[in-house]
């Protein structure tokens, strides 16, 4: 009886992990697709796993014609908060150090 319970436990944990991955990817794709609609300038996202995502239609380097900035994401929870709480979630996730940047004004003006 104990072995069956352990197998059920493992299955439940596996399902929970799958749900977390699906949910994380859902929030991530919503944020990225929304930000990619911006065509003036470029925003570069650096994710916790090292993935680099370049969004927008401008040039990566900063010029008079284009704004550019980068966000270093420290936790994938950043995406969830942005989707569920909008600009407040974005700001609070910055205050809680879920992401940072070397130039906040560039990110906000983008």
PDB file of N, CA and C in Angstrom:
ATOM      1  N   UNK A   1       0.816  -1.194   0.000  1.00  0.00           N
ATOM      2  CA  UNK A   1       0.000   0.000   0.000  1.00  0.00           C
ATOM      3  C   UNK A   1       0.860   1.258   0.000  1.00  0.00           C
ATOM      4  N   UNK A   2       1.941   1.219   0.712  1.00  0.00           N
ATOM      5  CA  UNK A   2       2.817   2.377   0.808  1.00  0.00           C
ATOM      6  C   UNK A   2       3.444   2.717  -0.541  1.00  0.00           C
ATOM      7  N   UNK A   3       3.817   1.675  -1.299  1.00  0.00           N
ATOM      8  CA  UNK A   3       4.435   1.905  -2.598  1.00  0.00           C
ATOM      9  C   UNK A   3       3.472   2.594  -3.553  1.00  0.00           C
ATOM     10  N   UNK A   4       2.218   2.200  -3.533  1.00  0.00           N
ATOM     11  CA  UNK A   4       1.224   2.835  -4.388  1.00  0.00           C
ATOM     12  C   UNK A   4       1.078   4.302  -4.027  1.00  0.00           C
ATOM     13  N   UNK A   5       1.057   4.593  -2.751  1.00  0.00           N
ATOM     14  CA  UNK A   5       0.941   5.979  -2.306  1.00  0.00           C
ATOM     15  C   UNK A   5       2.128   6.799  -2.794  1.00  0.00           C
ATOM     16  N   UNK A   6       3.334   6.227  -2.685  1.00  0.00           N
ATOM     17  CA  UNK A   6       4.525   6.941  -3.146  1.00  0.00           C
ATOM     18  C   UNK A   6       4.471   7.199  -4.644  1.00  0.00           C
ATOM     19  N   UNK A   7       4.006   6.214  -5.412  1.00  0.00           N
ATOM     20  CA  UNK A   7       3.894   6.412  -6.854  1.00  0.00           C
ATOM     21  C   UNK A   7       2.880   7.506  -7.161  1.00  0.00           C
ATOM     22  N   UNK A   8       1.780   7.518  -6.433  1.00  0.00           N
ATOM     23  CA  UNK A   8       0.780   8.563  -6.635  1.00  0.00           C
ATOM     24  C   UNK A   8       1.374   9.918  -6.290  1.00  0.00           C
ATOM     25  N   UNK A   9       2.147   9.980  -5.247  1.00  0.00           N
ATOM     26  CA  UNK A   9       2.789  11.224  -4.844  1.00  0.00           C
ATOM     27  C   UNK A   9       3.707  11.745  -5.942  1.00  0.00           C
ATOM     28  N   UNK A  10       4.490  10.858  -6.509  1.00  0.00           N
ATOM     29  CA  UNK A  10       5.410  11.251  -7.572  1.00  0.00           C
ATOM     30  C   UNK A  10       4.624  11.768  -8.774  1.00  0.00           C
ATOM     31  N   UNK A  11       3.540  11.084  -9.117  1.00  0.00           N
ATOM     32  CA  UNK A  11       2.722  11.514 -10.243  1.00  0.00           C
ATOM     33  C   UNK A  11       2.133  12.891  -9.981  1.00  0.00           C
ATOM     34  N   UNK A  12       1.630  13.107  -8.777  1.00  0.00           N
ATOM     35  CA  UNK A  12       1.075  14.413  -8.444  1.00  0.00           C
ATOM     36  C   UNK A  12       2.143  15.495  -8.513  1.00  0.00           C
ATOM     37  N   UNK A  13       3.342  15.192  -8.033  1.00  0.00           N
ATOM     38  CA  UNK A  13       4.422  16.172  -8.097  1.00  0.00           C
ATOM     39  C   UNK A  13       4.800  16.461  -9.539  1.00  0.00           C
ATOM     40  N   UNK A  14       4.861  15.424 -10.373  1.00  0.00           N
ATOM     41  CA  UNK A  14       5.186  15.615 -11.784  1.00  0.00           C
ATOM     42  C   UNK A  14       4.145  16.498 -12.458  1.00  0.00           C
ATOM     43  N   UNK A  15       2.865  16.252 -12.170  1.00  0.00           N
ATOM     44  CA  UNK A  15       1.796  17.073 -12.737  1.00  0.00           C
ATOM     45  C   UNK A  15       1.908  18.507 -12.260  1.00  0.00           C
ATOM     46  N   UNK A  16       2.254  18.687 -11.002  1.00  0.00           N
ATOM     47  CA  UNK A  16       2.407  20.031 -10.460  1.00  0.00           C
ATOM     48  C   UNK A  16       3.541  20.771 -11.159  1.00  0.00           C
ATOM     49  N   UNK A  17       4.633  20.084 -11.406  1.00  0.00           N
ATOM     50  CA  UNK A  17       5.769  20.699 -12.098  1.00  0.00           C
ATOM     51  C   UNK A  17       5.371  21.056 -13.523  1.00  0.00           C
ATOM     52  N   UNK A  18       4.644  20.171 -14.191  1.00  0.00           N
ATOM     53  CA  UNK A  18       4.190  20.456 -15.554  1.00  0.00           C
ATOM     54  C   UNK A  18       3.287  21.681 -15.571  1.00  0.00           C
ATOM     55  N   UNK A  19       2.376  21.779 -14.608  1.00  0.00           N
ATOM     56  CA  UNK A  19       1.495  22.938 -14.521  1.00  0.00           C
ATOM     57  C   UNK A  19       2.295  24.215 -14.323  1.00  0.00           C
ATOM     58  N   UNK A  20       3.312  24.162 -13.475  1.00  0.00           N
ATOM     59  CA  UNK A  20       4.138  25.342 -13.233  1.00  0.00           C
ATOM     60  C   UNK A  20       4.853  25.779 -14.504  1.00  0.00           C
ATOM     61  N   UNK A  21       5.371  24.840 -15.254  1.00  0.00           N
ATOM     62  CA  UNK A  21       6.077  25.165 -16.501  1.00  0.00           C
ATOM     63  C   UNK A  21       5.111  25.767 -17.510  1.00  0.00           C
ATOM     64  N   UNK A  22       3.939  25.165 -17.655  1.00  0.00           N
ATOM     65  CA  UNK A  22       2.939  25.674 -18.593  1.00  0.00           C
ATOM     66  C   UNK A  22       2.503  27.073 -18.188  1.00  0.00           C
ATOM     67  N   UNK A  23       2.247  27.279 -16.904  1.00  0.00           N
ATOM     68  CA  UNK A  23       1.821  28.583 -16.410  1.00  0.00           C
ATOM     69  C   UNK A  23       2.911  29.621 -16.626  1.00  0.00           C
ATOM     70  N   UNK A  24       4.157  29.267 -16.304  1.00  0.00           N
ATOM     71  CA  UNK A  24       5.281  30.192 -16.497  1.00  0.00           C
ATOM     72  C   UNK A  24       5.382  30.596 -17.960  1.00  0.00           C
ATOM     73  N   UNK A  25       5.304  29.633 -18.863  1.00  0.00           N
ATOM     74  CA  UNK A  25       5.401  29.925 -20.292  1.00  0.00           C
ATOM     75  C   UNK A  25       4.227  30.758 -20.785  1.00  0.00           C
ATOM     76  N   UNK A  26       3.052  30.555 -20.206  1.00  0.00           N
ATOM     77  CA  UNK A  26       1.876  31.340 -20.576  1.00  0.00           C
ATOM     78  C   UNK A  26       2.093  32.810 -20.234  1.00  0.00           C
ATOM     79  N   UNK A  27       2.464  33.101 -18.991  1.00  0.00           N
ATOM     80  CA  UNK A  27       2.702  34.486 -18.580  1.00  0.00           C
ATOM     81  C   UNK A  27       3.837  35.104 -19.386  1.00  0.00           C
ATOM     82  N   UNK A  28       4.885  34.343 -19.580  1.00  0.00           N
ATOM     83  CA  UNK A  28       6.052  34.821 -20.328  1.00  0.00           C
ATOM     84  C   UNK A  28       5.656  35.214 -21.749  1.00  0.00           C
ATOM     85  N   UNK A  29       4.909  34.350 -22.423  1.00  0.00           N
ATOM     86  CA  UNK A  29       4.532  34.641 -23.809  1.00  0.00           C
ATOM     87  C   UNK A  29       3.599  35.848 -23.904  1.00  0.00           C
ATOM     88  N   UNK A  30       2.720  36.034 -22.929  1.00  0.00           N
ATOM     89  CA  UNK A  30       1.843  37.209 -22.935  1.00  0.00           C
ATOM     90  C   UNK A  30       2.644  38.500 -22.815  1.00  0.00           C
ATOM     91  N   UNK A  31       3.590  38.531 -21.888  1.00  0.00           N
ATOM     92  CA  UNK A  31       4.393  39.740 -21.686  1.00  0.00           C
ATOM     93  C   UNK A  31       5.252  40.013 -22.915  1.00  0.00           C
ATOM     94  N   UNK A  32       5.920  38.997 -23.414  1.00  0.00           N
ATOM     95  CA  UNK A  32       6.817  39.186 -24.555  1.00  0.00           C
ATOM     96  C   UNK A  32       6.044  39.635 -25.793  1.00  0.00           C
ATOM     97  N   UNK A  33       4.903  39.031 -26.065  1.00  0.00           N
ATOM     98  CA  UNK A  33       4.133  39.432 -27.250  1.00  0.00           C
ATOM     99  C   UNK A  33       3.595  40.852 -27.104  1.00  0.00           C
ATOM    100  N   UNK A  34       3.222  41.252 -25.894  1.00  0.00           N
ATOM    101  CA  UNK A  34       2.758  42.628 -25.672  1.00  0.00           C
ATOM    102  C   UNK A  34       3.885  43.630 -25.863  1.00  0.00           C
ATOM    103  N   UNK A  35       5.033  43.348 -25.283  1.00  0.00           N
ATOM    104  CA  UNK A  35       6.169  44.264 -25.402  1.00  0.00           C
ATOM    105  C   UNK A  35       6.697  44.330 -26.829  1.00  0.00           C
ATOM    106  N   UNK A  36       6.593  43.250 -27.563  1.00  0.00           N
ATOM    107  CA  UNK A  36       7.117  43.228 -28.927  1.00  0.00           C
ATOM    108  C   UNK A  36       6.294  44.095 -29.873  1.00  0.00           C
ATOM    109  N   UNK A  37       5.100  44.498 -29.453  1.00  0.00           N
ATOM    110  CA  UNK A  37       4.278  45.397 -30.260  1.00  0.00           C
ATOM    111  C   UNK A  37       4.875  46.801 -30.326  1.00  0.00           C
ATOM    112  N   UNK A  38       5.708  47.143 -29.371  1.00  0.00           N
ATOM    113  CA  UNK A  38       6.354  48.457 -29.356  1.00  0.00           C
ATOM    114  C   UNK A  38       7.364  48.502 -30.498  1.00  0.00           C
ATOM    115  N   UNK A  39       7.287  49.517 -31.327  1.00  0.00           N
ATOM    116  CA  UNK A  39       8.156  49.565 -32.507  1.00  0.00           C
ATOM    117  C   UNK A  39       9.224  50.655 -32.425  1.00  0.00           C
ATOM    118  N   UNK A  40       9.125  51.558 -31.460  1.00  0.00           N
ATOM    119  CA  UNK A  40      10.126  52.617 -31.322  1.00  0.00           C
ATOM    120  C   UNK A  40      11.173  52.183 -30.306  1.00  0.00           C
ATOM    121  N   UNK A  41      12.368  51.960 -30.763  1.00  0.00           N
ATOM    122  CA  UNK A  41      13.435  51.570 -29.856  1.00  0.00           C
ATOM    123  C   UNK A  41      13.474  50.076 -29.621  1.00  0.00           C
ATOM    124  N   UNK A  42      14.334  49.685 -28.711  1.00  0.00           N
ATOM    125  CA  UNK A  42      14.553  48.270 -28.435  1.00  0.00           C
ATOM    126  C   UNK A  42      14.668  48.041 -26.936  1.00  0.00           C
ATOM    127  N   UNK A  43      14.088  46.966 -26.492  1.00  0.00           N
ATOM    128  CA  UNK A  43      14.234  46.534 -25.112  1.00  0.00           C
ATOM    129  C   UNK A  43      14.806  45.126 -25.135  1.00  0.00           C
ATOM    130  N   UNK A  44      15.850  44.923 -24.382  1.00  0.00           N
ATOM    131  CA  UNK A  44      16.510  43.627 -24.308  1.00  0.00           C
ATOM    132  C   UNK A  44      16.205  43.010 -22.942  1.00  0.00           C
ATOM    133  N   UNK A  45      15.639  41.816 -22.945  1.00  0.00           N
ATOM    134  CA  UNK A  45      15.363  41.086 -21.711  1.00  0.00           C
ATOM    135  C   UNK A  45      16.407  39.990 -21.553  1.00  0.00           C
ATOM    136  N   UNK A  46      17.010  39.926 -20.380  1.00  0.00           N
ATOM    137  CA  UNK A  46      17.948  38.853 -20.071  1.00  0.00           C
ATOM    138  C   UNK A  46      17.309  38.025 -18.962  1.00  0.00           C
ATOM    139  N   UNK A  47      16.964  36.787 -19.282  1.00  0.00           N
ATOM    140  CA  UNK A  47      16.227  35.938 -18.353  1.00  0.00           C
ATOM    141  C   UNK A  47      17.173  35.220 -17.392  1.00  0.00           C
ATOM    142  N   UNK A  48      16.614  34.674 -16.296  1.00  0.00           N
ATOM    143  CA  UNK A  48      17.447  33.995 -15.295  1.00  0.00           C
ATOM    144  C   UNK A  48      18.290  32.852 -15.857  1.00  0.00           C
ATOM    145  N   UNK A  49      17.798  32.191 -16.894  1.00  0.00           N
ATOM    146  CA  UNK A  49      18.550  31.071 -17.473  1.00  0.00           C
ATOM    147  C   UNK A  49      19.551  31.520 -18.540  1.00  0.00           C
ATOM    148  N   UNK A  50      19.674  32.839 -18.741  1.00  0.00           N
ATOM    149  CA  UNK A  50      20.634  33.376 -19.697  1.00  0.00           C
ATOM    150  C   UNK A  50      20.063  33.659 -21.076  1.00  0.00           C
ATOM    151  N   UNK A  51      18.806  33.312 -21.305  1.00  0.00           N
ATOM    152  CA  UNK A  51      18.162  33.596 -22.583  1.00  0.00           C
ATOM    153  C   UNK A  51      18.068  35.102 -22.782  1.00  0.00           C
ATOM    154  N   UNK A  52      18.417  35.563 -23.979  1.00  0.00           N
ATOM    155  CA  UNK A  52      18.343  36.989 -24.308  1.00  0.00           C
ATOM    156  C   UNK A  52      17.246  37.177 -25.344  1.00  0.00           C
ATOM    157  N   UNK A  53      16.321  38.091 -25.048  1.00  0.00           N
ATOM    158  CA  UNK A  53      15.202  38.374 -25.938  1.00  0.00           C
ATOM    159  C   UNK A  53      15.274  39.850 -26.299  1.00  0.00           C
ATOM    160  N   UNK A  54      15.323  40.150 -27.590  1.00  0.00           N
ATOM    161  CA  UNK A  54      15.365  41.530 -28.058  1.00  0.00           C
ATOM    162  C   UNK A  54      14.004  41.880 -28.636  1.00  0.00           C
ATOM    163  N   UNK A  55      13.392  42.926 -28.099  1.00  0.00           N
ATOM    164  CA  UNK A  55      12.039  43.318 -28.475  1.00  0.00           C
ATOM    165  C   UNK A  55      12.032  44.707 -29.094  1.00  0.00           C
ATOM    166  N   UNK A  56      11.036  44.973 -29.915  1.00  0.00           N
ATOM    167  CA  UNK A  56      10.879  46.292 -30.502  1.00  0.00           C
ATOM    168  C   UNK A  56      11.443  46.364 -31.901  1.00  0.00           C
ATOM    169  N   UNK A  57      11.318  47.542 -32.484  1.00  0.00           N
ATOM    170  CA  UNK A  57      11.718  47.693 -33.872  1.00  0.00           C
ATOM    171  C   UNK A  57      12.916  48.575 -34.101  1.00  0.00           C
ATOM    172  N   UNK A  58      13.489  49.104 -33.037  1.00  0.00           N
ATOM    173  CA  UNK A  58      14.612  50.018 -33.212  1.00  0.00           C
ATOM    174  C   UNK A  58      15.948  49.332 -33.176  1.00  0.00           C
ATOM    175  N   UNK A  59      16.972  50.140 -33.106  1.00  0.00           N
ATOM    176  CA  UNK A  59      18.333  49.625 -33.012  1.00  0.00           C
ATOM    177  C   UNK A  59      18.670  49.367 -31.557  1.00  0.00           C
ATOM    178  N   UNK A  60      19.532  48.398 -31.314  1.00  0.00           N
ATOM    179  CA  UNK A  60      19.893  48.057 -29.946  1.00  0.00           C
ATOM    180  C   UNK A  60      20.690  49.162 -29.276  1.00  0.00           C
ATOM    181  N   UNK A  61      21.544  49.843 -30.027  1.00  0.00           N
ATOM    182  CA  UNK A  61      22.327  50.909 -29.415  1.00  0.00           C
ATOM    183  C   UNK A  61      21.468  52.163 -29.264  1.00  0.00           C
ATOM    184  N   UNK A  62      21.792  52.968 -28.297  1.00  0.00           N
ATOM    185  CA  UNK A  62      21.028  54.176 -28.023  1.00  0.00           C
ATOM    186  C   UNK A  62      21.446  55.284 -28.990  1.00  0.00           C
ATOM    187  N   UNK A  63      20.481  55.924 -29.637  1.00  0.00           N
ATOM    188  CA  UNK A  63      20.738  57.071 -30.500  1.00  0.00           C
ATOM    189  C   UNK A  63      19.702  58.130 -30.207  1.00  0.00           C
ATOM    190  N   UNK A  64      19.756  59.237 -30.922  1.00  0.00           N
ATOM    191  CA  UNK A  64      18.750  60.281 -30.749  1.00  0.00           C
ATOM    192  C   UNK A  64      17.383  59.828 -31.240  1.00  0.00           C
ATOM    193  N   UNK A  65      17.351  58.878 -32.159  1.00  0.00           N
ATOM    194  CA  UNK A  65      16.098  58.467 -32.779  1.00  0.00           C
ATOM    195  C   UNK A  65      15.434  57.276 -32.106  1.00  0.00           C
ATOM    196  N   UNK A  66      16.191  56.531 -31.348  1.00  0.00           N
ATOM    197  CA  UNK A  66      15.654  55.317 -30.754  1.00  0.00           C
ATOM    198  C   UNK A  66      15.998  55.243 -29.272  1.00  0.00           C
ATOM    199  N   UNK A  67      15.045  54.808 -28.509  1.00  0.00           N
ATOM    200  CA  UNK A  67      15.311  54.490 -27.107  1.00  0.00           C
ATOM    201  C   UNK A  67      15.690  53.021 -27.024  1.00  0.00           C
ATOM    202  N   UNK A  68      16.615  52.713 -26.172  1.00  0.00           N
ATOM    203  CA  UNK A  68      16.935  51.309 -25.951  1.00  0.00           C
ATOM    204  C   UNK A  68      17.268  51.107 -24.485  1.00  0.00           C
ATOM    205  N   UNK A  69      16.962  49.951 -23.995  1.00  0.00           N
ATOM    206  CA  UNK A  69      17.259  49.633 -22.606  1.00  0.00           C
ATOM    207  C   UNK A  69      17.305  48.136 -22.434  1.00  0.00           C
ATOM    208  N   UNK A  70      17.674  47.739 -21.229  1.00  0.00           N
ATOM    209  CA  UNK A  70      17.665  46.307 -20.962  1.00  0.00           C
ATOM    210  C   UNK A  70      17.130  46.048 -19.569  1.00  0.00           C
ATOM    211  N   UNK A  71      16.546  44.886 -19.420  1.00  0.00           N
ATOM    212  CA  UNK A  71      16.034  44.417 -18.137  1.00  0.00           C
ATOM    213  C   UNK A  71      16.689  43.072 -17.852  1.00  0.00           C
ATOM    214  N   UNK A  72      17.317  42.961 -16.708  1.00  0.00           N
ATOM    215  CA  UNK A  72      17.884  41.689 -16.237  1.00  0.00           C
ATOM    216  C   UNK A  72      16.855  41.087 -15.292  1.00  0.00           C
ATOM    217  N   UNK A  73      16.222  40.008 -15.727  1.00  0.00           N
ATOM    218  CA  UNK A  73      15.174  39.358 -14.944  1.00  0.00           C
ATOM    219  C   UNK A  73      15.826  38.330 -14.024  1.00  0.00           C
ATOM    220  N   UNK A  74      15.535  38.439 -12.724  1.00  0.00           N
ATOM    221  CA  UNK A  74      16.116  37.520 -11.743  1.00  0.00           C
ATOM    222  C   UNK A  74      15.181  36.371 -11.386  1.00  0.00           C
ATOM    223  N   UNK A  75      13.881  36.539 -11.678  1.00  0.00           N
ATOM    224  CA  UNK A  75      12.898  35.504 -11.357  1.00  0.00           C
ATOM    225  C   UNK A  75      11.823  35.489 -12.434  1.00  0.00           C
ATOM    226  N   UNK A  76      11.433  34.294 -12.857  1.00  0.00           N
ATOM    227  CA  UNK A  76      10.371  34.181 -13.851  1.00  0.00           C
ATOM    228  C   UNK A  76       9.024  34.646 -13.290  1.00  0.00           C
ATOM    229  N   UNK A  77       8.927  34.834 -11.981  1.00  0.00           N
ATOM    230  CA  UNK A  77       7.709  35.364 -11.374  1.00  0.00           C
ATOM    231  C   UNK A  77       7.435  36.790 -11.849  1.00  0.00           C
ATOM    232  N   UNK A  78       8.444  37.457 -12.361  1.00  0.00           N
ATOM    233  CA  UNK A  78       8.292  38.793 -12.957  1.00  0.00           C
ATOM    234  C   UNK A  78       7.162  38.796 -13.985  1.00  0.00           C
ATOM    235  N   UNK A  79       7.133  37.790 -14.857  1.00  0.00           N
ATOM    236  CA  UNK A  79       6.124  37.729 -15.912  1.00  0.00           C
ATOM    237  C   UNK A  79       4.717  37.594 -15.333  1.00  0.00           C
ATOM    238  N   UNK A  80       4.569  36.741 -14.337  1.00  0.00           N
ATOM    239  CA  UNK A  80       3.251  36.536 -13.714  1.00  0.00           C
ATOM    240  C   UNK A  80       2.738  37.834 -13.117  1.00  0.00           C
ATOM    241  N   UNK A  81       3.595  38.540 -12.421  1.00  0.00           N
ATOM    242  CA  UNK A  81       3.179  39.788 -11.783  1.00  0.00           C
ATOM    243  C   UNK A  81       2.806  40.851 -12.804  1.00  0.00           C
ATOM    244  N   UNK A  82       3.530  40.900 -13.903  1.00  0.00           N
ATOM    245  CA  UNK A  82       3.195  41.867 -14.952  1.00  0.00           C
ATOM    246  C   UNK A  82       1.822  41.579 -15.548  1.00  0.00           C
ATOM    247  N   UNK A  83       1.526  40.306 -15.791  1.00  0.00           N
ATOM    248  CA  UNK A  83       0.241  39.941 -16.381  1.00  0.00           C
ATOM    249  C   UNK A  83      -0.895  40.184 -15.393  1.00  0.00           C
ATOM    250  N   UNK A  84      -0.736  39.738 -14.166  1.00  0.00           N
ATOM    251  CA  UNK A  84      -1.831  39.820 -13.200  1.00  0.00           C
ATOM    252  C   UNK A  84      -2.042  41.219 -12.633  1.00  0.00           C
ATOM    253  N   UNK A  85      -0.977  42.009 -12.506  1.00  0.00           N
ATOM    254  CA  UNK A  85      -1.084  43.295 -11.814  1.00  0.00           C
ATOM    255  C   UNK A  85      -0.643  44.491 -12.650  1.00  0.00           C
ATOM    256  N   UNK A  86      -0.319  44.287 -13.918  1.00  0.00           N
ATOM    257  CA  UNK A  86      -0.012  45.385 -14.825  1.00  0.00           C
ATOM    258  C   UNK A  86       1.164  46.233 -14.381  1.00  0.00           C
ATOM    259  N   UNK A  87       0.990  47.555 -14.504  1.00  0.00           N
ATOM    260  CA  UNK A  87       2.093  48.461 -14.170  1.00  0.00           C
ATOM    261  C   UNK A  87       2.456  48.412 -12.690  1.00  0.00           C
ATOM    262  N   UNK A  88       1.483  48.137 -11.836  1.00  0.00           N
ATOM    263  CA  UNK A  88       1.777  48.007 -10.401  1.00  0.00           C
ATOM    264  C   UNK A  88       2.641  46.769 -10.165  1.00  0.00           C
ATOM    265  N   UNK A  89       2.310  45.668 -10.816  1.00  0.00           N
ATOM    266  CA  UNK A  89       3.118  44.453 -10.707  1.00  0.00           C
ATOM    267  C   UNK A  89       4.522  44.650 -11.246  1.00  0.00           C
ATOM    268  N   UNK A  90       4.639  45.408 -12.331  1.00  0.00           N
ATOM    269  CA  UNK A  90       5.946  45.728 -12.907  1.00  0.00           C
ATOM    270  C   UNK A  90       6.778  46.521 -11.902  1.00  0.00           C
ATOM    271  N   UNK A  91       6.170  47.551 -11.308  1.00  0.00           N
ATOM    272  CA  UNK A  91       6.881  48.394 -10.340  1.00  0.00           C
ATOM    273  C   UNK A  91       7.226  47.623  -9.067  1.00  0.00           C
ATOM    274  N   UNK A  92       6.270  46.869  -8.545  1.00  0.00           N
ATOM    275  CA  UNK A  92       6.534  46.116  -7.316  1.00  0.00           C
ATOM    276  C   UNK A  92       7.587  45.037  -7.533  1.00  0.00           C
ATOM    277  N   UNK A  93       7.595  44.422  -8.706  1.00  0.00           N
ATOM    278  CA  UNK A  93       8.614  43.402  -8.963  1.00  0.00           C
ATOM    279  C   UNK A  93      10.002  44.029  -9.050  1.00  0.00           C
ATOM    280  N   UNK A  94      10.078  45.287  -9.466  1.00  0.00           N
ATOM    281  CA  UNK A  94      11.362  46.003  -9.453  1.00  0.00           C
ATOM    282  C   UNK A  94      11.794  46.268  -8.011  1.00  0.00           C
ATOM    283  N   UNK A  95      10.852  46.736  -7.194  1.00  0.00           N
ATOM    284  CA  UNK A  95      11.172  47.027  -5.790  1.00  0.00           C
ATOM    285  C   UNK A  95      11.573  45.764  -5.035  1.00  0.00           C
ATOM    286  N   UNK A  96      11.013  44.625  -5.422  1.00  0.00           N
ATOM    287  CA  UNK A  96      11.340  43.352  -4.773  1.00  0.00           C
ATOM    288  C   UNK A  96      12.538  42.661  -5.428  1.00  0.00           C
ATOM    289  N   UNK A  97      13.186  43.371  -6.337  1.00  0.00           N
ATOM    290  CA  UNK A  97      14.408  42.911  -7.009  1.00  0.00           C
ATOM    291  C   UNK A  97      14.213  41.627  -7.816  1.00  0.00           C
ATOM    292  N   UNK A  98      13.033  41.488  -8.429  1.00  0.00           N
ATOM    293  CA  UNK A  98      12.813  40.390  -9.363  1.00  0.00           C
ATOM    294  C   UNK A  98      13.444  40.714 -10.715  1.00  0.00           C
ATOM    295  N   UNK A  99      13.736  41.996 -10.934  1.00  0.00           N
ATOM    296  CA  UNK A  99      14.457  42.444 -12.122  1.00  0.00           C
ATOM    297  C   UNK A  99      15.196  43.722 -11.783  1.00  0.00           C
ATOM    298  N   UNK A 100      16.203  44.037 -12.602  1.00  0.00           N
ATOM    299  CA  UNK A 100      16.896  45.316 -12.455  1.00  0.00           C
ATOM    300  C   UNK A 100      17.417  45.769 -13.809  1.00  0.00           C
ATOM    301  N   UNK A 101      17.973  46.947 -13.819  1.00  0.00           N
ATOM    302  CA  UNK A 101      18.517  47.546 -15.022  1.00  0.00           C
ATOM    303  C   UNK A 101      19.585  48.540 -14.617  1.00  0.00           C
ATOM    304  N   UNK A 102      20.474  48.858 -15.534  1.00  0.00           N
ATOM    305  CA  UNK A 102      21.493  49.858 -15.215  1.00  0.00           C
ATOM    306  C   UNK A 102      20.981  51.271 -15.460  1.00  0.00           C
ATOM    307  N   UNK A 103      19.854  51.415 -16.179  1.00  0.00           N
ATOM    308  CA  UNK A 103      19.297  52.740 -16.455  1.00  0.00           C
ATOM    309  C   UNK A 103      17.775  52.659 -16.467  1.00  0.00           C
ATOM    310  N   UNK A 104      17.179  52.902 -15.319  1.00  0.00           N
ATOM    311  CA  UNK A 104      15.727  52.787 -15.171  1.00  0.00           C
ATOM    312  C   UNK A 104      14.992  53.771 -16.081  1.00  0.00           C
ATOM    313  N   UNK A 105      15.542  54.962 -16.267  1.00  0.00           N
ATOM    314  CA  UNK A 105      14.866  55.955 -17.109  1.00  0.00           C
ATOM    315  C   UNK A 105      14.748  55.479 -18.558  1.00  0.00           C
ATOM    316  N   UNK A 106      15.732  54.751 -19.068  1.00  0.00           N
ATOM    317  CA  UNK A 106      15.642  54.223 -20.436  1.00  0.00           C
ATOM    318  C   UNK A 106      14.540  53.176 -20.546  1.00  0.00           C
ATOM    319  N   UNK A 107      14.437  52.331 -19.546  1.00  0.00           N
ATOM    320  CA  UNK A 107      13.394  51.294 -19.570  1.00  0.00           C
ATOM    321  C   UNK A 107      12.019  51.943 -19.507  1.00  0.00           C
ATOM    322  N   UNK A 108      11.851  52.916 -18.627  1.00  0.00           N
ATOM    323  CA  UNK A 108      10.549  53.553 -18.467  1.00  0.00           C
ATOM    324  C   UNK A 108      10.182  54.427 -19.660  1.00  0.00           C
ATOM    325  N   UNK A 109      11.160  55.044 -20.306  1.00  0.00           N
ATOM    326  CA  UNK A 109      10.857  55.890 -21.462  1.00  0.00           C
ATOM    327  C   UNK A 109      10.631  55.069 -22.721  1.00  0.00           C
ATOM    328  N   UNK A 110      11.077  53.832 -22.725  1.00  0.00           N
ATOM    329  CA  UNK A 110      10.877  52.984 -23.890  1.00  0.00           C
ATOM    330  C   UNK A 110       9.405  52.700 -24.022  1.00  0.00           C
TER     331      UNK A 110
END
